Amino acid sequence: MSPGAGVATAPVRRVLAGVRWYARQLSGESKWDDYLERCAREGRTPMTRRQFERHRDDHREQGTQGRCC
């Protein structure tokens, strides 16, 4: 490996880390991780992933506005 190879990969890794963060935010994966951390802090048993997603969907459907804006 050449001496400057590590320098060239740093920006690529930074970009890939940003893309990964963005994808996790869009997919809701970060919300699941946040939920698991909160349950661990509070000493509660977390829901399964399926129950968690169903709960999120139910909450989203009930919270919709009846107007366009």
Foldseek 3Di string as FASTA:
>chain_A
DDPCPVVVCVVVVVVVVVVVVVVCVVVVVVVVVVQVVVCVVVVHDDDPPVVVVVVVVVVVVVPDDPDDD
